[in-house]
N, C-alpha and C. Protein backbone atom coordinates (compact mmCIF):
# COMPACT_ATOMS: atom_id res chain seq x y z
N MET A 1 113.84 113.05 87.06
CA MET A 1 113.54 111.68 86.76
C MET A 1 112.06 111.56 86.42
N THR A 2 111.75 110.87 85.34
CA THR A 2 110.37 110.66 84.94
C THR A 2 109.94 109.27 85.38
N HIS A 3 108.72 109.17 85.84
CA HIS A 3 108.21 107.91 86.37
C HIS A 3 106.81 107.68 85.85
N PHE A 4 106.51 106.45 85.46
CA PHE A 4 105.16 106.08 85.06
C PHE A 4 104.59 105.23 86.19
N PRO A 5 103.68 105.79 86.99
CA PRO A 5 103.22 105.14 88.21
C PRO A 5 102.40 103.88 88.01
N ASN A 6 102.19 103.21 89.12
CA ASN A 6 101.33 102.05 89.27
C ASN A 6 101.73 100.85 88.40
N PRO A 7 102.93 100.32 88.60
CA PRO A 7 103.34 99.15 87.84
C PRO A 7 102.55 97.90 88.24
N GLU A 8 101.99 97.86 89.44
CA GLU A 8 101.19 96.74 89.91
C GLU A 8 99.83 97.25 90.37
N PRO A 9 98.86 97.39 89.43
CA PRO A 9 97.58 97.99 89.80
C PRO A 9 96.80 97.22 90.85
N GLY A 10 97.10 95.95 91.06
CA GLY A 10 96.40 95.16 92.07
C GLY A 10 96.84 95.48 93.49
N ASN A 11 98.03 96.05 93.64
CA ASN A 11 98.55 96.38 94.97
C ASN A 11 98.40 97.87 95.22
N ARG A 12 97.75 98.24 96.31
CA ARG A 12 97.57 99.65 96.65
C ARG A 12 98.89 100.23 97.16
N ALA A 13 99.26 101.37 96.64
CA ALA A 13 100.51 102.02 97.03
C ALA A 13 100.38 102.60 98.44
N ALA A 14 101.50 102.64 99.15
CA ALA A 14 101.52 103.25 100.49
C ALA A 14 101.13 104.71 100.37
N ARG A 15 100.31 105.19 101.30
CA ARG A 15 99.83 106.56 101.27
C ARG A 15 100.40 107.34 102.44
N ALA A 16 100.58 108.63 102.21
CA ALA A 16 101.08 109.51 103.26
C ALA A 16 100.18 110.73 103.33
N LYS A 17 99.76 111.09 104.55
CA LYS A 17 99.01 112.33 104.75
C LYS A 17 100.02 113.42 105.05
N THR A 18 99.78 114.58 104.46
CA THR A 18 100.70 115.68 104.69
C THR A 18 100.48 116.27 106.07
N GLU A 19 101.57 116.67 106.73
CA GLU A 19 101.47 117.27 108.06
C GLU A 19 100.85 118.65 107.99
N SER A 20 101.17 119.37 106.94
CA SER A 20 100.56 120.68 106.71
C SER A 20 100.10 120.70 105.25
N TRP A 21 99.27 121.66 104.93
CA TRP A 21 98.75 121.73 103.57
C TRP A 21 99.86 122.09 102.60
N VAL A 22 99.94 121.35 101.51
CA VAL A 22 100.93 121.59 100.47
C VAL A 22 100.20 122.21 99.29
N LYS A 23 100.67 123.37 98.85
CA LYS A 23 100.02 124.07 97.73
C LYS A 23 100.34 123.35 96.42
N VAL A 24 99.30 123.22 95.60
CA VAL A 24 99.44 122.59 94.29
C VAL A 24 98.82 123.51 93.25
N ASP A 25 99.56 123.79 92.20
CA ASP A 25 99.01 124.52 91.07
C ASP A 25 98.45 123.51 90.10
N VAL A 26 97.19 123.68 89.73
CA VAL A 26 96.50 122.73 88.86
C VAL A 26 96.11 123.45 87.57
N ARG A 27 96.51 122.89 86.42
CA ARG A 27 96.18 123.47 85.13
C ARG A 27 95.39 122.46 84.30
N PRO A 28 94.06 122.64 84.22
CA PRO A 28 93.27 121.75 83.36
C PRO A 28 93.63 121.98 81.89
N GLN A 29 93.37 120.98 81.05
CA GLN A 29 93.65 121.15 79.62
C GLN A 29 92.77 122.25 79.03
N GLU A 30 91.57 122.36 79.54
CA GLU A 30 90.68 123.45 79.13
C GLU A 30 90.25 124.17 80.40
N GLY A 31 90.19 125.47 80.34
CA GLY A 31 89.78 126.21 81.52
C GLY A 31 90.94 126.94 82.17
N MET A 32 90.63 127.59 83.25
CA MET A 32 91.60 128.44 83.96
C MET A 32 92.39 127.64 84.99
N PRO A 33 93.67 128.00 85.17
CA PRO A 33 94.46 127.37 86.24
C PRO A 33 93.85 127.69 87.61
N THR A 34 94.05 126.80 88.55
CA THR A 34 93.51 126.99 89.89
C THR A 34 94.51 126.46 90.91
N SER A 35 94.29 126.77 92.15
CA SER A 35 95.14 126.27 93.23
C SER A 35 94.37 125.24 94.04
N ALA A 36 95.10 124.33 94.62
CA ALA A 36 94.51 123.31 95.48
C ALA A 36 95.49 123.03 96.61
N ARG A 37 95.04 122.25 97.57
CA ARG A 37 95.90 121.82 98.66
C ARG A 37 95.97 120.30 98.64
N LEU A 38 97.17 119.79 98.73
CA LEU A 38 97.38 118.35 98.74
C LEU A 38 97.14 117.83 100.14
N ARG A 39 96.30 116.84 100.27
CA ARG A 39 95.99 116.28 101.59
C ARG A 39 96.60 114.90 101.78
N GLU A 40 96.64 114.11 100.72
CA GLU A 40 97.13 112.74 100.80
C GLU A 40 97.82 112.42 99.48
N VAL A 41 98.92 111.67 99.54
CA VAL A 41 99.65 111.34 98.32
C VAL A 41 100.24 109.94 98.42
N SER A 42 100.38 109.31 97.28
CA SER A 42 101.07 108.02 97.17
C SER A 42 101.88 108.06 95.88
N ALA A 43 102.55 106.98 95.57
CA ALA A 43 103.32 106.91 94.33
C ALA A 43 102.41 106.86 93.11
N THR A 44 101.12 106.59 93.31
CA THR A 44 100.21 106.45 92.18
C THR A 44 99.16 107.54 92.08
N GLY A 45 99.02 108.40 93.09
CA GLY A 45 98.01 109.45 93.04
C GLY A 45 97.83 110.08 94.39
N GLY A 46 96.63 110.64 94.62
CA GLY A 46 96.39 111.29 95.90
C GLY A 46 95.05 111.97 95.96
N MET A 47 94.92 112.91 96.90
CA MET A 47 93.68 113.65 97.09
C MET A 47 93.98 115.12 97.25
N LEU A 48 93.24 115.94 96.52
CA LEU A 48 93.35 117.39 96.61
C LEU A 48 92.10 117.96 97.26
N VAL A 49 92.25 119.06 97.96
CA VAL A 49 91.12 119.83 98.47
C VAL A 49 91.16 121.14 97.70
N MET A 50 90.03 121.49 97.09
CA MET A 50 90.00 122.67 96.23
C MET A 50 88.66 123.37 96.26
N ALA A 51 88.63 124.60 95.81
CA ALA A 51 87.39 125.36 95.76
C ALA A 51 86.76 125.32 94.37
N GLU A 52 87.57 125.20 93.34
CA GLU A 52 87.08 125.19 91.96
C GLU A 52 86.79 123.76 91.51
N PRO A 53 85.66 123.55 90.84
CA PRO A 53 85.32 122.18 90.42
C PRO A 53 86.15 121.70 89.23
N LEU A 54 86.42 120.41 89.23
CA LEU A 54 87.01 119.71 88.09
C LEU A 54 86.09 118.54 87.76
N SER A 55 86.18 118.06 86.55
CA SER A 55 85.32 116.97 86.13
C SER A 55 86.04 115.64 86.24
N GLU A 56 85.29 114.61 86.59
CA GLU A 56 85.86 113.26 86.62
C GLU A 56 86.34 112.91 85.22
N GLY A 57 87.52 112.32 85.14
CA GLY A 57 88.10 111.95 83.86
C GLY A 57 88.93 113.05 83.22
N GLU A 58 88.92 114.24 83.80
CA GLU A 58 89.67 115.37 83.25
C GLU A 58 91.16 115.18 83.49
N LEU A 59 91.97 115.53 82.48
CA LEU A 59 93.42 115.48 82.60
C LEU A 59 93.92 116.85 82.99
N VAL A 60 94.84 116.88 83.96
CA VAL A 60 95.38 118.14 84.45
C VAL A 60 96.89 118.05 84.58
N GLU A 61 97.54 119.21 84.49
CA GLU A 61 98.96 119.33 84.83
C GLU A 61 99.01 119.83 86.26
N MET A 62 99.95 119.32 87.03
CA MET A 62 100.11 119.74 88.41
C MET A 62 101.55 120.11 88.68
N THR A 63 101.73 121.12 89.54
CA THR A 63 103.04 121.46 90.07
C THR A 63 102.91 121.46 91.58
N ILE A 64 103.67 120.58 92.22
CA ILE A 64 103.63 120.43 93.67
C ILE A 64 104.97 120.88 94.23
N GLN A 65 104.94 121.85 95.14
CA GLN A 65 106.18 122.34 95.74
C GLN A 65 106.52 121.46 96.95
N THR A 66 107.68 120.81 96.94
CA THR A 66 108.12 119.98 98.05
C THR A 66 109.43 120.52 98.61
N GLU A 67 109.87 119.97 99.72
CA GLU A 67 111.14 120.40 100.29
C GLU A 67 112.32 120.01 99.42
N TRP A 68 112.13 119.10 98.47
CA TRP A 68 113.20 118.67 97.57
C TRP A 68 113.14 119.39 96.23
N GLY A 69 112.13 120.21 96.03
CA GLY A 69 111.97 120.92 94.76
C GLY A 69 110.57 120.70 94.20
N ARG A 70 110.37 121.21 93.02
CA ARG A 70 109.05 121.09 92.38
C ARG A 70 108.87 119.73 91.72
N VAL A 71 107.69 119.18 91.93
CA VAL A 71 107.30 117.93 91.28
C VAL A 71 106.27 118.29 90.22
N HIS A 72 106.53 117.89 88.99
CA HIS A 72 105.60 118.15 87.89
C HIS A 72 104.91 116.84 87.54
N ALA A 73 103.61 116.93 87.27
CA ALA A 73 102.85 115.71 87.00
C ALA A 73 101.72 115.96 86.03
N MET A 74 101.36 114.91 85.33
CA MET A 74 100.10 114.84 84.58
C MET A 74 99.25 113.86 85.35
N ALA A 75 98.00 114.22 85.57
CA ALA A 75 97.14 113.36 86.37
C ALA A 75 95.73 113.36 85.80
N GLU A 76 95.00 112.32 86.15
CA GLU A 76 93.59 112.21 85.78
C GLU A 76 92.76 112.35 87.05
N ILE A 77 91.72 113.17 86.99
CA ILE A 77 90.81 113.30 88.12
C ILE A 77 89.91 112.07 88.11
N LEU A 78 89.98 111.29 89.19
CA LEU A 78 89.24 110.03 89.26
C LEU A 78 87.84 110.21 89.84
N SER A 79 87.74 111.02 90.89
CA SER A 79 86.42 111.27 91.48
C SER A 79 86.45 112.62 92.18
N VAL A 80 85.29 113.25 92.25
CA VAL A 80 85.16 114.54 92.92
C VAL A 80 83.99 114.44 93.88
N ARG A 81 84.21 114.82 95.12
CA ARG A 81 83.17 114.78 96.15
C ARG A 81 83.12 116.13 96.85
N VAL A 82 81.91 116.56 97.21
CA VAL A 82 81.74 117.80 97.96
C VAL A 82 81.58 117.45 99.42
N ARG A 83 82.38 118.09 100.27
CA ARG A 83 82.23 117.90 101.73
C ARG A 83 81.07 118.74 102.19
N GLN A 84 80.12 118.11 102.81
CA GLN A 84 78.90 118.80 103.21
C GLN A 84 79.16 119.90 104.23
N VAL A 85 80.05 119.68 105.18
CA VAL A 85 80.28 120.65 106.25
C VAL A 85 80.98 121.89 105.72
N SER A 86 82.08 121.72 105.01
CA SER A 86 82.89 122.86 104.58
C SER A 86 82.50 123.36 103.19
N GLY A 87 81.90 122.50 102.39
CA GLY A 87 81.59 122.88 101.01
C GLY A 87 82.77 122.76 100.07
N HIS A 88 83.94 122.35 100.58
CA HIS A 88 85.11 122.18 99.73
C HIS A 88 84.98 120.91 98.89
N LEU A 89 85.64 120.91 97.77
CA LEU A 89 85.68 119.75 96.90
C LEU A 89 86.90 118.90 97.23
N ARG A 90 86.70 117.61 97.25
CA ARG A 90 87.82 116.67 97.37
C ARG A 90 87.94 115.95 96.04
N ALA A 91 89.09 116.06 95.44
CA ALA A 91 89.32 115.44 94.14
C ALA A 91 90.39 114.38 94.28
N HIS A 92 90.03 113.14 94.03
CA HIS A 92 90.99 112.05 94.01
C HIS A 92 91.57 111.96 92.60
N PHE A 93 92.88 111.79 92.52
CA PHE A 93 93.53 111.76 91.22
C PHE A 93 94.51 110.62 91.12
N GLY A 94 94.81 110.22 89.91
CA GLY A 94 95.82 109.22 89.63
C GLY A 94 96.88 109.81 88.72
N PHE A 95 98.15 109.60 89.07
CA PHE A 95 99.22 110.11 88.23
C PHE A 95 99.28 109.34 86.92
N TRP A 96 99.48 110.06 85.84
CA TRP A 96 99.77 109.45 84.54
C TRP A 96 101.26 109.53 84.28
N LEU A 97 101.83 110.66 84.63
CA LEU A 97 103.24 110.90 84.42
C LEU A 97 103.72 111.74 85.59
N LEU A 98 104.85 111.39 86.13
CA LEU A 98 105.35 112.05 87.33
C LEU A 98 106.82 112.36 87.13
N LYS A 99 107.18 113.63 87.20
CA LYS A 99 108.58 114.03 87.09
C LYS A 99 108.99 114.61 88.43
N ILE A 100 109.85 113.87 89.12
CA ILE A 100 110.26 114.26 90.47
C ILE A 100 111.70 114.75 90.45
N PRO A 101 112.10 115.50 91.49
CA PRO A 101 113.51 115.91 91.57
C PRO A 101 114.42 114.68 91.56
N THR A 102 115.68 114.88 91.30
CA THR A 102 116.60 113.75 91.22
C THR A 102 116.61 112.96 92.52
N MET A 103 116.91 111.71 92.43
CA MET A 103 116.90 110.84 93.61
C MET A 103 117.92 111.30 94.64
N SER A 104 119.02 111.92 94.22
CA SER A 104 119.99 112.40 95.19
C SER A 104 119.40 113.49 96.08
N ASP A 105 118.37 114.18 95.57
CA ASP A 105 117.68 115.19 96.38
C ASP A 105 116.83 114.53 97.46
N CYS A 106 116.62 113.26 97.34
CA CYS A 106 115.79 112.53 98.30
C CYS A 106 116.66 111.56 99.10
N CYS A 107 117.85 112.00 99.45
CA CYS A 107 118.77 111.22 100.29
C CYS A 107 119.19 109.91 99.64
N GLY A 108 119.13 109.83 98.33
CA GLY A 108 119.56 108.64 97.62
C GLY A 108 118.59 107.47 97.70
N ARG A 109 117.41 107.69 98.28
CA ARG A 109 116.45 106.59 98.41
C ARG A 109 115.51 106.56 97.20
N SER A 110 114.82 105.45 97.03
CA SER A 110 113.86 105.35 95.94
C SER A 110 112.66 106.23 96.22
N LYS A 111 111.90 106.55 95.17
CA LYS A 111 110.70 107.37 95.31
C LYS A 111 109.72 106.74 96.29
N HIS A 112 109.55 105.43 96.22
CA HIS A 112 108.61 104.75 97.12
C HIS A 112 109.04 104.89 98.58
N SER A 113 110.34 104.73 98.86
CA SER A 113 110.78 104.85 100.25
C SER A 113 110.72 106.29 100.73
N CYS A 114 110.89 107.27 99.82
CA CYS A 114 110.73 108.69 100.20
C CYS A 114 109.29 108.95 100.63
N ILE A 115 108.34 108.45 99.87
CA ILE A 115 106.93 108.65 100.20
C ILE A 115 106.58 107.92 101.49
N GLU A 116 107.06 106.69 101.63
CA GLU A 116 106.74 105.90 102.82
C GLU A 116 107.35 106.51 104.09
N SER A 117 108.49 107.22 103.94
CA SER A 117 109.12 107.81 105.11
C SER A 117 108.41 109.08 105.59
N ARG A 118 107.52 109.62 104.80
CA ARG A 118 106.81 110.85 105.15
C ARG A 118 105.64 110.55 105.98
């Protein structure tokens, strides 16, 4: 199922923090693919922790492995911050296009209720 996120930009989407780190493969339009860890996600975007820098405004392809299957997405990097203590980069992103496993793989619930239940 393909989804175009953020139908109501004035309302902030419910966010879920992952219980454990979820591996994400990130492919910038230019440059080498890299790996990241998903820390927070919503129906409209999320936050990655990564070692390799990305630029604000950069478009990337993402593959996120979930218990329901792989989620493929196109996203824009909205902001990048360096954590002073660890030196890791935190990249906030917004989904442009999101292709998720079929809804039946998510117990027949909507994408929003799947995210909210996590």
